[in-house]
N, C-alpha and C. Protein backbone atom coordinates (compact mmCIF):
# COMPACT_ATOMS: atom_id res chain seq x y z
N MET A 1 0.86 -1.16 0.00
CA MET A 1 0.00 0.00 0.00
C MET A 1 0.91 1.23 0.00
N SER A 2 0.69 2.15 -0.91
CA SER A 2 1.51 3.35 -0.93
C SER A 2 0.91 4.41 -0.01
N ALA A 3 1.79 5.24 0.51
CA ALA A 3 1.35 6.28 1.44
C ALA A 3 0.85 7.49 0.67
N LEU A 4 -0.21 8.07 1.15
CA LEU A 4 -0.72 9.33 0.63
C LEU A 4 -0.43 10.40 1.65
N PRO A 5 -0.38 11.64 1.25
CA PRO A 5 -0.16 12.70 2.24
C PRO A 5 -1.22 12.62 3.33
N LEU A 6 -0.81 12.78 4.58
CA LEU A 6 -1.75 12.65 5.69
C LEU A 6 -2.76 13.79 5.74
N GLU A 7 -2.51 14.84 4.97
CA GLU A 7 -3.49 15.92 4.93
C GLU A 7 -4.79 15.47 4.28
N VAL A 8 -4.75 14.34 3.55
CA VAL A 8 -5.95 13.80 2.91
C VAL A 8 -6.74 13.04 3.97
N ALA A 9 -7.97 13.46 4.22
CA ALA A 9 -8.80 12.82 5.25
C ALA A 9 -9.07 11.37 4.90
N GLY A 10 -9.07 10.50 5.90
CA GLY A 10 -9.44 9.11 5.71
C GLY A 10 -8.33 8.22 5.20
N VAL A 11 -7.07 8.68 5.19
CA VAL A 11 -5.97 7.85 4.72
C VAL A 11 -5.67 6.78 5.75
N VAL A 12 -5.48 5.54 5.27
CA VAL A 12 -5.14 4.43 6.14
C VAL A 12 -3.79 3.89 5.71
N THR A 13 -2.90 3.68 6.67
CA THR A 13 -1.59 3.11 6.40
C THR A 13 -1.38 1.93 7.33
N ASP A 14 -0.95 0.80 6.80
CA ASP A 14 -0.63 -0.36 7.61
C ASP A 14 0.76 -0.15 8.19
N ALA A 15 0.85 0.07 9.48
CA ALA A 15 2.14 0.37 10.11
C ALA A 15 2.93 -0.88 10.48
N LEU A 16 2.33 -2.06 10.37
CA LEU A 16 3.01 -3.28 10.78
C LEU A 16 3.63 -4.09 9.65
N SER A 17 2.95 -4.16 8.51
CA SER A 17 3.42 -5.11 7.50
C SER A 17 4.34 -4.58 6.42
N PRO A 18 4.33 -3.31 6.04
CA PRO A 18 5.24 -2.96 4.94
C PRO A 18 6.69 -3.10 5.40
N ALA A 19 7.49 -3.75 4.54
CA ALA A 19 8.91 -3.87 4.84
C ALA A 19 9.56 -2.49 4.75
N LEU A 20 10.46 -2.23 5.68
CA LEU A 20 11.23 -0.98 5.65
C LEU A 20 12.66 -1.35 5.26
N PRO A 21 13.10 -0.97 4.07
CA PRO A 21 14.48 -1.28 3.69
C PRO A 21 15.44 -0.65 4.70
N HIS A 22 16.37 -1.45 5.20
CA HIS A 22 17.33 -0.99 6.20
C HIS A 22 18.63 -0.58 5.55
N GLY A 23 19.20 0.47 6.11
CA GLY A 23 20.55 0.88 5.75
C GLY A 23 21.42 0.77 6.99
N PRO A 24 22.73 0.57 6.79
CA PRO A 24 23.60 0.46 7.96
C PRO A 24 23.77 1.82 8.64
N LEU A 25 24.02 1.78 9.92
CA LEU A 25 24.30 3.00 10.67
C LEU A 25 25.78 3.35 10.52
N PRO A 26 26.13 4.62 10.61
CA PRO A 26 27.54 5.00 10.55
C PRO A 26 28.33 4.31 11.66
N ALA A 27 29.53 3.89 11.36
CA ALA A 27 30.37 3.14 12.31
C ALA A 27 30.60 3.91 13.61
N ASP A 28 30.65 5.23 13.54
CA ASP A 28 30.94 6.01 14.75
C ASP A 28 29.80 6.05 15.75
N VAL A 29 28.59 5.61 15.38
CA VAL A 29 27.47 5.58 16.33
C VAL A 29 27.17 4.17 16.83
N VAL A 30 27.69 3.15 16.15
CA VAL A 30 27.42 1.76 16.53
C VAL A 30 28.28 1.38 17.74
N ARG A 31 27.64 0.78 18.73
CA ARG A 31 28.34 0.33 19.93
C ARG A 31 28.37 -1.18 20.07
N GLU A 32 27.46 -1.86 19.36
CA GLU A 32 27.40 -3.32 19.45
C GLU A 32 26.68 -3.87 18.23
N GLY A 33 27.19 -4.95 17.66
CA GLY A 33 26.54 -5.60 16.53
C GLY A 33 26.65 -4.77 15.26
N ALA A 34 25.69 -4.98 14.38
CA ALA A 34 25.63 -4.26 13.10
C ALA A 34 24.20 -3.82 12.83
N PRO A 35 23.66 -2.96 13.71
CA PRO A 35 22.26 -2.57 13.53
C PRO A 35 22.06 -1.71 12.28
N GLY A 36 20.87 -1.84 11.74
CA GLY A 36 20.47 -1.00 10.62
C GLY A 36 19.15 -0.34 10.95
N THR A 37 18.84 0.72 10.23
CA THR A 37 17.56 1.39 10.45
C THR A 37 16.83 1.58 9.13
N GLY A 38 15.51 1.65 9.23
CA GLY A 38 14.67 1.96 8.10
C GLY A 38 13.62 2.97 8.53
N ILE A 39 13.17 3.76 7.58
CA ILE A 39 12.18 4.79 7.91
C ILE A 39 11.20 4.93 6.76
N ARG A 40 9.97 5.23 7.11
CA ARG A 40 8.95 5.56 6.12
C ARG A 40 8.22 6.79 6.63
N VAL A 41 8.51 7.92 6.02
CA VAL A 41 7.84 9.16 6.40
C VAL A 41 6.43 9.12 5.82
N LEU A 42 5.45 9.30 6.68
CA LEU A 42 4.06 9.24 6.25
C LEU A 42 3.54 10.60 5.81
N GLY A 43 4.18 11.65 6.27
CA GLY A 43 3.76 12.99 5.88
C GLY A 43 3.80 13.93 7.06
N ALA A 44 3.23 15.08 6.83
CA ALA A 44 3.20 16.11 7.87
C ALA A 44 1.78 16.32 8.33
N PHE A 45 1.65 16.65 9.59
CA PHE A 45 0.36 16.99 10.18
C PHE A 45 0.61 18.25 10.99
N ARG A 46 0.04 19.34 10.54
CA ARG A 46 0.33 20.66 11.12
C ARG A 46 1.82 20.91 10.97
N ASP A 47 2.55 21.10 12.08
CA ASP A 47 3.98 21.38 11.99
C ASP A 47 4.84 20.19 12.40
N VAL A 48 4.29 18.99 12.41
CA VAL A 48 5.06 17.82 12.84
C VAL A 48 5.10 16.77 11.74
N GLU A 49 6.13 15.92 11.82
CA GLU A 49 6.28 14.81 10.87
C GLU A 49 5.79 13.54 11.53
N LEU A 50 5.08 12.73 10.77
CA LEU A 50 4.64 11.41 11.20
C LEU A 50 5.38 10.38 10.39
N GLY A 51 5.77 9.28 11.04
CA GLY A 51 6.46 8.24 10.29
C GLY A 51 6.57 6.95 11.06
N ILE A 52 7.12 5.97 10.38
CA ILE A 52 7.40 4.66 10.95
C ILE A 52 8.91 4.49 10.90
N TRP A 53 9.51 4.08 12.00
CA TRP A 53 10.96 3.91 12.10
C TRP A 53 11.24 2.54 12.69
N GLU A 54 12.32 1.93 12.23
CA GLU A 54 12.66 0.59 12.69
C GLU A 54 14.17 0.50 12.86
N MET A 55 14.60 -0.25 13.88
CA MET A 55 16.02 -0.53 14.09
C MET A 55 16.18 -2.01 14.38
N SER A 56 17.15 -2.65 13.72
CA SER A 56 17.41 -4.07 13.96
C SER A 56 18.31 -4.23 15.18
N GLU A 57 18.51 -5.46 15.59
CA GLU A 57 19.24 -5.77 16.82
C GLU A 57 20.66 -5.22 16.79
N GLY A 58 21.07 -4.71 17.95
CA GLY A 58 22.38 -4.12 18.13
C GLY A 58 22.26 -2.89 19.01
N ALA A 59 23.33 -2.12 19.10
CA ALA A 59 23.32 -0.92 19.96
C ALA A 59 23.96 0.24 19.23
N ALA A 60 23.34 1.43 19.39
CA ALA A 60 23.86 2.64 18.74
C ALA A 60 23.45 3.86 19.55
N VAL A 61 24.29 4.89 19.48
CA VAL A 61 23.99 6.16 20.14
C VAL A 61 23.26 7.08 19.17
N ASP A 62 22.50 8.02 19.75
CA ASP A 62 21.73 8.95 18.93
C ASP A 62 21.55 10.26 19.69
N THR A 63 21.36 11.33 18.94
CA THR A 63 20.92 12.61 19.50
C THR A 63 19.48 12.78 19.06
N GLU A 64 18.60 12.91 20.02
CA GLU A 64 17.16 12.85 19.75
C GLU A 64 16.57 14.15 19.23
N ALA A 65 15.48 13.99 18.50
CA ALA A 65 14.61 15.10 18.10
C ALA A 65 13.52 15.19 19.17
N ASP A 66 12.76 16.26 19.17
CA ASP A 66 11.59 16.40 20.03
C ASP A 66 10.54 15.45 19.47
N GLU A 67 10.17 14.43 20.21
CA GLU A 67 9.33 13.38 19.63
C GLU A 67 8.52 12.63 20.67
N VAL A 68 7.40 12.08 20.21
CA VAL A 68 6.61 11.10 20.95
C VAL A 68 6.50 9.89 20.04
N PHE A 69 6.67 8.70 20.61
CA PHE A 69 6.52 7.51 19.79
C PHE A 69 5.79 6.41 20.53
N ILE A 70 5.22 5.49 19.75
CA ILE A 70 4.54 4.31 20.26
C ILE A 70 5.22 3.10 19.63
N VAL A 71 5.67 2.17 20.47
CA VAL A 71 6.32 0.96 19.97
C VAL A 71 5.25 0.01 19.44
N LEU A 72 5.40 -0.38 18.18
CA LEU A 72 4.47 -1.32 17.56
C LEU A 72 4.91 -2.77 17.74
N SER A 73 6.23 -2.99 17.73
CA SER A 73 6.76 -4.34 17.90
C SER A 73 8.22 -4.25 18.33
N GLY A 74 8.69 -5.33 18.95
CA GLY A 74 10.09 -5.40 19.34
C GLY A 74 10.32 -4.99 20.78
N ALA A 75 11.62 -4.94 21.13
CA ALA A 75 12.00 -4.60 22.49
C ALA A 75 13.39 -3.99 22.50
N ALA A 76 13.59 -3.02 23.40
CA ALA A 76 14.88 -2.35 23.50
C ALA A 76 15.03 -1.71 24.87
N ARG A 77 16.28 -1.40 25.20
CA ARG A 77 16.59 -0.58 26.36
C ARG A 77 17.12 0.74 25.84
N VAL A 78 16.67 1.83 26.43
CA VAL A 78 17.18 3.15 26.08
C VAL A 78 17.89 3.69 27.31
N ASP A 79 19.20 3.92 27.17
CA ASP A 79 20.00 4.52 28.23
C ASP A 79 20.15 6.00 27.91
N PHE A 80 19.97 6.84 28.91
CA PHE A 80 20.09 8.28 28.72
C PHE A 80 21.49 8.73 29.14
N ILE A 81 22.25 9.19 28.15
CA ILE A 81 23.62 9.65 28.38
C ILE A 81 23.59 11.08 28.91
N ALA A 82 22.82 11.92 28.25
CA ALA A 82 22.69 13.33 28.67
C ALA A 82 21.30 13.80 28.27
N PRO A 83 20.53 14.28 29.18
CA PRO A 83 20.83 14.33 30.61
C PRO A 83 20.84 12.91 31.20
N ALA A 84 21.53 12.74 32.31
CA ALA A 84 21.61 11.44 32.97
C ALA A 84 20.27 11.15 33.63
N LEU A 85 19.55 10.20 33.06
CA LEU A 85 18.25 9.77 33.58
C LEU A 85 18.26 8.26 33.70
N PRO A 86 17.34 7.67 34.45
CA PRO A 86 17.28 6.20 34.53
C PRO A 86 16.98 5.60 33.15
N SER A 87 17.56 4.45 32.88
CA SER A 87 17.28 3.71 31.64
C SER A 87 15.83 3.28 31.61
N ILE A 88 15.30 3.08 30.41
CA ILE A 88 13.94 2.57 30.27
C ILE A 88 13.95 1.35 29.35
N GLU A 89 13.05 0.44 29.60
CA GLU A 89 12.83 -0.70 28.72
C GLU A 89 11.55 -0.40 27.93
N VAL A 90 11.62 -0.54 26.62
CA VAL A 90 10.44 -0.31 25.79
C VAL A 90 10.08 -1.60 25.07
N ARG A 91 8.80 -1.77 24.85
CA ARG A 91 8.27 -2.97 24.18
C ARG A 91 6.96 -2.59 23.51
N THR A 92 6.36 -3.54 22.85
CA THR A 92 5.08 -3.29 22.19
C THR A 92 4.12 -2.59 23.14
N GLY A 93 3.60 -1.46 22.69
CA GLY A 93 2.65 -0.70 23.48
C GLY A 93 3.25 0.44 24.28
N SER A 94 4.58 0.49 24.41
CA SER A 94 5.20 1.59 25.16
C SER A 94 4.99 2.91 24.43
N VAL A 95 4.69 3.95 25.20
CA VAL A 95 4.58 5.31 24.68
C VAL A 95 5.67 6.12 25.36
N VAL A 96 6.51 6.77 24.55
CA VAL A 96 7.69 7.46 25.09
C VAL A 96 7.76 8.87 24.55
N ARG A 97 8.21 9.78 25.41
CA ARG A 97 8.44 11.19 25.04
C ARG A 97 9.93 11.47 25.17
N LEU A 98 10.55 11.94 24.10
CA LEU A 98 11.95 12.35 24.11
C LEU A 98 12.02 13.83 23.77
N THR A 99 13.03 14.52 24.29
CA THR A 99 13.17 15.94 23.98
C THR A 99 14.42 16.17 23.14
N GLU A 100 14.34 17.21 22.35
CA GLU A 100 15.42 17.54 21.43
C GLU A 100 16.74 17.70 22.17
N GLY A 101 17.77 17.08 21.61
CA GLY A 101 19.11 17.21 22.16
C GLY A 101 19.52 16.11 23.13
N MET A 102 18.57 15.30 23.60
CA MET A 102 18.94 14.19 24.48
C MET A 102 19.94 13.29 23.76
N ARG A 103 20.94 12.81 24.49
CA ARG A 103 21.88 11.82 23.95
C ARG A 103 21.47 10.48 24.54
N THR A 104 21.26 9.50 23.67
CA THR A 104 20.76 8.20 24.10
C THR A 104 21.60 7.07 23.52
N LEU A 105 21.53 5.92 24.18
CA LEU A 105 22.09 4.68 23.68
C LEU A 105 20.94 3.69 23.57
N TRP A 106 20.65 3.27 22.35
CA TRP A 106 19.58 2.30 22.08
C TRP A 106 20.21 0.92 21.97
N THR A 107 19.77 0.00 22.83
CA THR A 107 20.18 -1.40 22.73
C THR A 107 18.95 -2.20 22.37
N VAL A 108 18.88 -2.59 21.11
CA VAL A 108 17.69 -3.27 20.59
C VAL A 108 17.88 -4.78 20.74
N HIS A 109 16.97 -5.41 21.50
CA HIS A 109 17.02 -6.85 21.75
C HIS A 109 16.27 -7.62 20.66
N GLU A 110 15.20 -7.02 20.15
CA GLU A 110 14.36 -7.62 19.11
C GLU A 110 13.96 -6.45 18.21
N THR A 111 14.12 -6.60 16.89
CA THR A 111 13.87 -5.49 15.96
C THR A 111 12.71 -4.64 16.44
N LEU A 112 12.99 -3.35 16.59
CA LEU A 112 12.03 -2.40 17.16
C LEU A 112 11.39 -1.57 16.04
N ARG A 113 10.08 -1.52 16.03
CA ARG A 113 9.35 -0.68 15.08
C ARG A 113 8.46 0.26 15.88
N LYS A 114 8.50 1.53 15.50
CA LYS A 114 7.69 2.52 16.21
C LYS A 114 7.04 3.46 15.21
N VAL A 115 5.92 4.05 15.65
CA VAL A 115 5.30 5.17 14.95
C VAL A 115 5.69 6.40 15.74
N TYR A 116 6.21 7.40 15.04
CA TYR A 116 6.67 8.60 15.74
C TYR A 116 5.97 9.85 15.24
N VAL A 117 5.92 10.84 16.12
CA VAL A 117 5.46 12.19 15.80
C VAL A 117 6.59 13.09 16.27
N ALA A 118 7.22 13.79 15.32
CA ALA A 118 8.39 14.62 15.66
C ALA A 118 8.29 15.97 15.00
């Protein structure tokens, strides 16, 4: 199913089944394994981007955007490097809020797929 701009009322997108082609992460962000990521931007809604993002098993650091996401499948631990906050475990059904500039370490135990609003 191809994505239509979300500004079109009544658009339906299957967030679970379309394959997301993965690309490798840059070597300088990988901390364990050989994780890859895939993304499917669904469009814009007001001033935010909606999309589906996926990361395969492994660990990598990231600098976050201002975002809310819902985990659709998979499992991971997110360690907060800066600011120093307690680690969180995310799994199917987790809803998470990240703020712009956070430095994180994602350790994906089972390929993680999320829908994000950023």
